[in-house]
Amino acid sequence: MHAALADAIERARRVRLMLFDVDGVLTDGRLWYGPHGEQLKAFHAHDGHGMKLLAAAGVRLALLSGRESAAVTQRAAELGIEHVLQGIADKRAAFEALLAQLALDAGAAGYMGDELVDLPVLRRCGFACAPGEAPELVRQHAHYVPRAAAGGGAVREVCEFVLRAQGRLDAALEACLR
């Protein structure tokens, strides 16, 4: 097994909290505005189901976004995501505060981000992920880069990678068939 893959698997094994950026991770990164200035976002159902699988396996979920959006609030509620941090200028400070609140070490947290503003968290967390569309500098700090596109299954792939690393993927998928 390739050393980088083995390292990513070991890091994913320790994940107890998985955080995701929104624009460029849960979406394809395009910003859509309606005629009255409302923000529109398209989320992929596969990503949402991946997050539900992860949560059902006991991994806590959080969204960490620099923007604020009612669409994100609604989607997070649909998915049962308890920690929704929006309008965050200093993502590292928000990340550290959430770790303290949950009494977790940074090594037990994973984060998927796609932009330079995500680097402080990507450098600090135990399991860093970035979509393939992220700038090269961001991808260089990722332990895992999914094949699927941002907003098109990349989050699902990360969720399944974590579950597989923790030996829980088969049970999670089997539970869906009952």
C-alpha atoms as a PDB file:
ATOM      1  CA  MET A   1       0.000   0.000   0.000  1.00  0.00           C
ATOM      2  CA  HIS A   2       1.242   3.469  -0.876  1.00  0.00           C
ATOM      3  CA  ALA A   3       2.549   5.328   2.212  1.00  0.00           C
ATOM      4  CA  ALA A   4       0.315   8.381   1.656  1.00  0.00           C
ATOM      5  CA  LEU A   5      -2.797   6.190   1.409  1.00  0.00           C
ATOM      6  CA  ALA A   6      -1.820   4.245   4.531  1.00  0.00           C
ATOM      7  CA  ASP A   7      -1.353   7.542   6.382  1.00  0.00           C
ATOM      8  CA  ALA A   8      -4.759   8.823   5.203  1.00  0.00           C
ATOM      9  CA  ILE A   9      -6.443   5.607   6.350  1.00  0.00           C
ATOM     10  CA  GLU A  10      -4.784   5.811   9.770  1.00  0.00           C
ATOM     11  CA  ARG A  11      -5.840   9.445  10.143  1.00  0.00           C
ATOM     12  CA  ALA A  12      -9.419   8.679   9.040  1.00  0.00           C
ATOM     13  CA  ARG A  13      -9.573   5.895  11.637  1.00  0.00           C
ATOM     14  CA  ARG A  14      -9.272   8.501  14.393  1.00  0.00           C
ATOM     15  CA  VAL A  15     -12.036  10.832  13.116  1.00  0.00           C
ATOM     16  CA  ARG A  16     -14.800  11.490  15.649  1.00  0.00           C
ATOM     17  CA  LEU A  17     -15.826  14.868  14.200  1.00  0.00           C
ATOM     18  CA  MET A  18     -15.975  15.679  10.478  1.00  0.00           C
ATOM     19  CA  LEU A  19     -16.362  19.281   9.367  1.00  0.00           C
ATOM     20  CA  PHE A  20     -17.160  20.471   5.859  1.00  0.00           C
ATOM     21  CA  ASP A  21     -16.875  23.818   4.163  1.00  0.00           C
ATOM     22  CA  VAL A  22     -19.925  24.584   2.016  1.00  0.00           C
ATOM     23  CA  ASP A  23     -19.150  26.529  -1.183  1.00  0.00           C
ATOM     24  CA  GLY A  24     -16.772  24.477  -3.305  1.00  0.00           C
ATOM     25  CA  VAL A  25     -17.203  21.366  -1.155  1.00  0.00           C
ATOM     26  CA  LEU A  26     -20.915  20.675  -0.646  1.00  0.00           C
ATOM     27  CA  THR A  27     -21.603  22.722  -3.767  1.00  0.00           C
ATOM     28  CA  ASP A  28     -19.715  23.047  -7.026  1.00  0.00           C
ATOM     29  CA  GLY A  29     -18.420  26.433  -5.896  1.00  0.00           C
ATOM     30  CA  ARG A  30     -20.594  28.550  -8.146  1.00  0.00           C
ATOM     31  CA  LEU A  31     -22.560  31.299  -6.412  1.00  0.00           C
ATOM     32  CA  TRP A  32     -26.116  31.646  -7.666  1.00  0.00           C
ATOM     33  CA  TYR A  33     -28.257  34.696  -6.946  1.00  0.00           C
ATOM     34  CA  GLY A  34     -31.960  35.078  -7.687  1.00  0.00           C
ATOM     35  CA  PRO A  35     -33.552  38.235  -9.101  1.00  0.00           C
ATOM     36  CA  HIS A  36     -34.100  39.641  -5.618  1.00  0.00           C
ATOM     37  CA  GLY A  37     -30.585  38.914  -4.374  1.00  0.00           C
ATOM     38  CA  GLU A  38     -31.452  35.614  -2.698  1.00  0.00           C
ATOM     39  CA  GLN A  39     -28.707  33.000  -2.615  1.00  0.00           C
ATOM     40  CA  LEU A  40     -29.424  29.686  -4.277  1.00  0.00           C
ATOM     41  CA  LYS A  41     -27.344  26.571  -3.698  1.00  0.00           C
ATOM     42  CA  ALA A  42     -27.489  23.112  -5.227  1.00  0.00           C
ATOM     43  CA  PHE A  43     -26.618  20.210  -2.934  1.00  0.00           C
ATOM     44  CA  HIS A  44     -26.102  16.630  -4.108  1.00  0.00           C
ATOM     45  CA  ALA A  45     -28.324  14.014  -2.491  1.00  0.00           C
ATOM     46  CA  HIS A  46     -25.435  11.504  -2.431  1.00  0.00           C
ATOM     47  CA  ASP A  47     -23.364  13.868  -0.281  1.00  0.00           C
ATOM     48  CA  GLY A  48     -26.234  14.268   2.154  1.00  0.00           C
ATOM     49  CA  HIS A  49     -26.715  10.532   2.425  1.00  0.00           C
ATOM     50  CA  GLY A  50     -22.986  10.059   3.021  1.00  0.00           C
ATOM     51  CA  MET A  51     -23.137  12.500   5.907  1.00  0.00           C
ATOM     52  CA  LYS A  52     -26.152  10.674   7.335  1.00  0.00           C
ATOM     53  CA  LEU A  53     -24.224   7.385   7.133  1.00  0.00           C
ATOM     54  CA  LEU A  54     -21.293   8.960   8.954  1.00  0.00           C
ATOM     55  CA  ALA A  55     -23.544  10.392  11.670  1.00  0.00           C
ATOM     56  CA  ALA A  56     -25.347   7.061  12.108  1.00  0.00           C
ATOM     57  CA  ALA A  57     -21.935   5.470  12.733  1.00  0.00           C
ATOM     58  CA  GLY A  58     -21.315   7.928  15.576  1.00  0.00           C
ATOM     59  CA  VAL A  59     -19.159  10.531  13.850  1.00  0.00           C
ATOM     60  CA  ARG A  60     -20.278  14.056  14.698  1.00  0.00           C
ATOM     61  CA  LEU A  61     -20.792  16.495  11.819  1.00  0.00           C
ATOM     62  CA  ALA A  62     -20.298  20.226  11.419  1.00  0.00           C
ATOM     63  CA  LEU A  63     -20.435  22.785   8.656  1.00  0.00           C
ATOM     64  CA  LEU A  64     -17.892  25.606   8.723  1.00  0.00           C
ATOM     65  CA  SER A  65     -18.503  28.347   6.182  1.00  0.00           C
ATOM     66  CA  GLY A  66     -17.307  31.874   5.599  1.00  0.00           C
ATOM     67  CA  ARG A  67     -20.672  32.825   4.119  1.00  0.00           C
ATOM     68  CA  GLU A  68     -24.138  32.854   5.648  1.00  0.00           C
ATOM     69  CA  SER A  69     -27.014  31.284   3.791  1.00  0.00           C
ATOM     70  CA  ALA A  70     -30.548  30.297   4.680  1.00  0.00           C
ATOM     71  CA  ALA A  71     -30.185  27.423   2.206  1.00  0.00           C
ATOM     72  CA  VAL A  72     -27.302  26.029   4.260  1.00  0.00           C
ATOM     73  CA  THR A  73     -29.314  26.334   7.466  1.00  0.00           C
ATOM     74  CA  GLN A  74     -32.203  24.470   5.842  1.00  0.00           C
ATOM     75  CA  ARG A  75     -30.002  21.722   4.389  1.00  0.00           C
ATOM     76  CA  ALA A  76     -28.203  21.226   7.695  1.00  0.00           C
ATOM     77  CA  ALA A  77     -31.562  20.892   9.473  1.00  0.00           C
ATOM     78  CA  GLU A  78     -32.715  18.295   6.924  1.00  0.00           C
ATOM     79  CA  LEU A  79     -29.546  16.294   7.581  1.00  0.00           C
ATOM     80  CA  GLY A  80     -29.638  16.708  11.362  1.00  0.00           C
ATOM     81  CA  ILE A  81     -26.288  18.504  11.485  1.00  0.00           C
ATOM     82  CA  GLU A  82     -26.059  20.019  14.946  1.00  0.00           C
ATOM     83  CA  HIS A  83     -23.063  22.306  14.491  1.00  0.00           C
ATOM     84  CA  VAL A  84     -23.567  24.863  11.724  1.00  0.00           C
ATOM     85  CA  LEU A  85     -21.007  27.654  11.824  1.00  0.00           C
ATOM     86  CA  GLN A  86     -21.666  30.314   9.172  1.00  0.00           C
ATOM     87  CA  GLY A  87     -20.294  33.766   8.499  1.00  0.00           C
ATOM     88  CA  ILE A  88     -16.977  32.707  10.020  1.00  0.00           C
ATOM     89  CA  ALA A  89     -14.054  34.977   9.185  1.00  0.00           C
ATOM     90  CA  ASP A  90     -11.518  33.069  11.318  1.00  0.00           C
ATOM     91  CA  LYS A  91     -12.150  29.408  10.632  1.00  0.00           C
ATOM     92  CA  ARG A  92      -9.269  28.214  12.792  1.00  0.00           C
ATOM     93  CA  ALA A  93     -10.635  30.032  15.855  1.00  0.00           C
ATOM     94  CA  ALA A  94     -14.111  28.585  15.237  1.00  0.00           C
ATOM     95  CA  PHE A  95     -12.579  25.125  14.762  1.00  0.00           C
ATOM     96  CA  GLU A  96     -10.650  25.388  18.041  1.00  0.00           C
ATOM     97  CA  ALA A  97     -13.757  26.617  19.886  1.00  0.00           C
ATOM     98  CA  LEU A  98     -15.803  23.672  18.589  1.00  0.00           C
ATOM     99  CA  LEU A  99     -13.077  21.217  19.604  1.00  0.00           C
ATOM    100  CA  ALA A 100     -13.078  22.706  23.112  1.00  0.00           C
ATOM    101  CA  GLN A 101     -16.876  22.582  23.290  1.00  0.00           C
ATOM    102  CA  LEU A 102     -16.882  18.913  22.298  1.00  0.00           C
ATOM    103  CA  ALA A 103     -13.785  18.060  24.372  1.00  0.00           C
ATOM    104  CA  LEU A 104     -11.976  16.671  21.323  1.00  0.00           C
ATOM    105  CA  ASP A 105      -8.354  16.789  20.234  1.00  0.00           C
ATOM    106  CA  ALA A 106      -7.596  18.169  16.759  1.00  0.00           C
ATOM    107  CA  GLY A 107      -6.308  14.726  15.777  1.00  0.00           C
ATOM    108  CA  ALA A 108      -9.849  13.354  16.154  1.00  0.00           C
ATOM    109  CA  ALA A 109     -11.253  15.898  13.698  1.00  0.00           C
ATOM    110  CA  GLY A 110     -11.376  15.879   9.935  1.00  0.00           C
ATOM    111  CA  TYR A 111     -12.040  18.837   7.676  1.00  0.00           C
ATOM    112  CA  MET A 112     -12.799  19.195   3.994  1.00  0.00           C
ATOM    113  CA  GLY A 113     -12.082  22.622   2.526  1.00  0.00           C
ATOM    114  CA  ASP A 114     -11.321  23.968  -0.910  1.00  0.00           C
ATOM    115  CA  GLU A 115      -9.802  27.420  -0.584  1.00  0.00           C
ATOM    116  CA  LEU A 116      -6.857  29.276   0.938  1.00  0.00           C
ATOM    117  CA  VAL A 117      -9.001  30.452   3.872  1.00  0.00           C
ATOM    118  CA  ASP A 118      -9.382  26.766   4.792  1.00  0.00           C
ATOM    119  CA  LEU A 119      -5.642  26.145   5.139  1.00  0.00           C
ATOM    120  CA  PRO A 120      -5.396  27.010   8.859  1.00  0.00           C
ATOM    121  CA  VAL A 121      -7.945  24.288   9.667  1.00  0.00           C
ATOM    122  CA  LEU A 122      -6.581  21.838   7.105  1.00  0.00           C
ATOM    123  CA  ARG A 123      -3.114  22.202   8.656  1.00  0.00           C
ATOM    124  CA  ARG A 124      -4.449  21.727  12.196  1.00  0.00           C
ATOM    125  CA  CYS A 125      -6.955  18.886  11.879  1.00  0.00           C
ATOM    126  CA  GLY A 126      -6.038  15.223  11.959  1.00  0.00           C
ATOM    127  CA  PHE A 127      -7.573  14.300   8.602  1.00  0.00           C
ATOM    128  CA  ALA A 128      -7.524  16.984   5.885  1.00  0.00           C
ATOM    129  CA  CYS A 129      -9.485  16.604   2.648  1.00  0.00           C
ATOM    130  CA  ALA A 130      -9.874  18.813  -0.411  1.00  0.00           C
ATOM    131  CA  PRO A 131     -11.797  18.341  -3.637  1.00  0.00           C
ATOM    132  CA  GLY A 132      -9.824  17.923  -6.841  1.00  0.00           C
ATOM    133  CA  GLU A 133     -10.942  21.369  -8.009  1.00  0.00           C
ATOM    134  CA  ALA A 134      -9.229  23.073  -5.074  1.00  0.00           C
ATOM    135  CA  PRO A 135      -6.095  25.129  -5.795  1.00  0.00           C
ATOM    136  CA  GLU A 136      -2.886  23.111  -5.810  1.00  0.00           C
ATOM    137  CA  LEU A 137      -1.649  24.703  -2.571  1.00  0.00           C
ATOM    138  CA  VAL A 138      -4.798  23.510  -0.797  1.00  0.00           C
ATOM    139  CA  ARG A 139      -4.572  20.008  -2.275  1.00  0.00           C
ATOM    140  CA  GLN A 140      -0.933  19.792  -1.120  1.00  0.00           C
ATOM    141  CA  HIS A 141      -2.160  20.004   2.483  1.00  0.00           C
ATOM    142  CA  ALA A 142      -4.804  17.316   2.040  1.00  0.00           C
ATOM    143  CA  HIS A 143      -4.363  13.759   3.225  1.00  0.00           C
ATOM    144  CA  TYR A 144      -7.159  12.677   0.900  1.00  0.00           C
ATOM    145  CA  VAL A 145      -8.477  14.107  -2.372  1.00  0.00           C
ATOM    146  CA  PRO A 146     -11.623  12.339  -3.623  1.00  0.00           C
ATOM    147  CA  ARG A 147     -12.119  11.510  -7.295  1.00  0.00           C
ATOM    148  CA  ALA A 148     -15.704  12.824  -7.376  1.00  0.00           C
ATOM    149  CA  ALA A 149     -16.315  16.505  -7.999  1.00  0.00           C
ATOM    150  CA  ALA A 150     -17.189  19.067  -5.369  1.00  0.00           C
ATOM    151  CA  GLY A 151     -20.951  19.282  -5.137  1.00  0.00           C
ATOM    152  CA  GLY A 152     -21.161  16.026  -7.066  1.00  0.00           C
ATOM    153  CA  GLY A 153     -20.315  13.250  -4.631  1.00  0.00           C
ATOM    154  CA  ALA A 154     -16.921  14.301  -3.220  1.00  0.00           C
ATOM    155  CA  VAL A 155     -18.335  14.565   0.306  1.00  0.00           C
ATOM    156  CA  ARG A 156     -19.973  11.142  -0.032  1.00  0.00           C
ATOM    157  CA  GLU A 157     -16.625   9.683  -1.077  1.00  0.00           C
ATOM    158  CA  VAL A 158     -14.912  11.220   1.966  1.00  0.00           C
ATOM    159  CA  CYS A 159     -17.635   9.904   4.284  1.00  0.00           C
ATOM    160  CA  GLU A 160     -17.268   6.397   2.859  1.00  0.00           C
ATOM    161  CA  PHE A 161     -13.474   6.632   3.113  1.00  0.00           C
ATOM    162  CA  VAL A 162     -13.772   7.426   6.843  1.00  0.00           C
ATOM    163  CA  LEU A 163     -16.293   4.637   7.396  1.00  0.00           C
ATOM    164  CA  ARG A 164     -14.130   2.162   5.473  1.00  0.00           C
ATOM    165  CA  ALA A 165     -11.036   3.165   7.471  1.00  0.00           C
ATOM    166  CA  GLN A 166     -12.975   2.639  10.696  1.00  0.00           C
ATOM    167  CA  GLY A 167     -14.266  -0.745   9.548  1.00  0.00           C
ATOM    168  CA  ARG A 168     -17.879   0.476   9.625  1.00  0.00           C
ATOM    169  CA  LEU A 169     -18.781   0.942   5.968  1.00  0.00           C
ATOM    170  CA  ASP A 170     -20.321  -2.493   5.384  1.00  0.00           C
ATOM    171  CA  ALA A 171     -22.483  -2.214   8.513  1.00  0.00           C
ATOM    172  CA  ALA A 172     -23.559   1.319   7.564  1.00  0.00           C
ATOM    173  CA  LEU A 173     -24.570   0.218   4.076  1.00  0.00           C
ATOM    174  CA  GLU A 174     -26.264  -2.922   5.394  1.00  0.00           C
ATOM    175  CA  ALA A 175     -28.346  -0.820   7.786  1.00  0.00           C
ATOM    176  CA  CYS A 176     -29.737   1.054   4.761  1.00  0.00           C
ATOM    177  CA  LEU A 177     -31.050  -2.196   3.289  1.00  0.00           C
ATOM    178  CA  ARG A 178     -33.151  -3.111   6.325  1.00  0.00           C
END
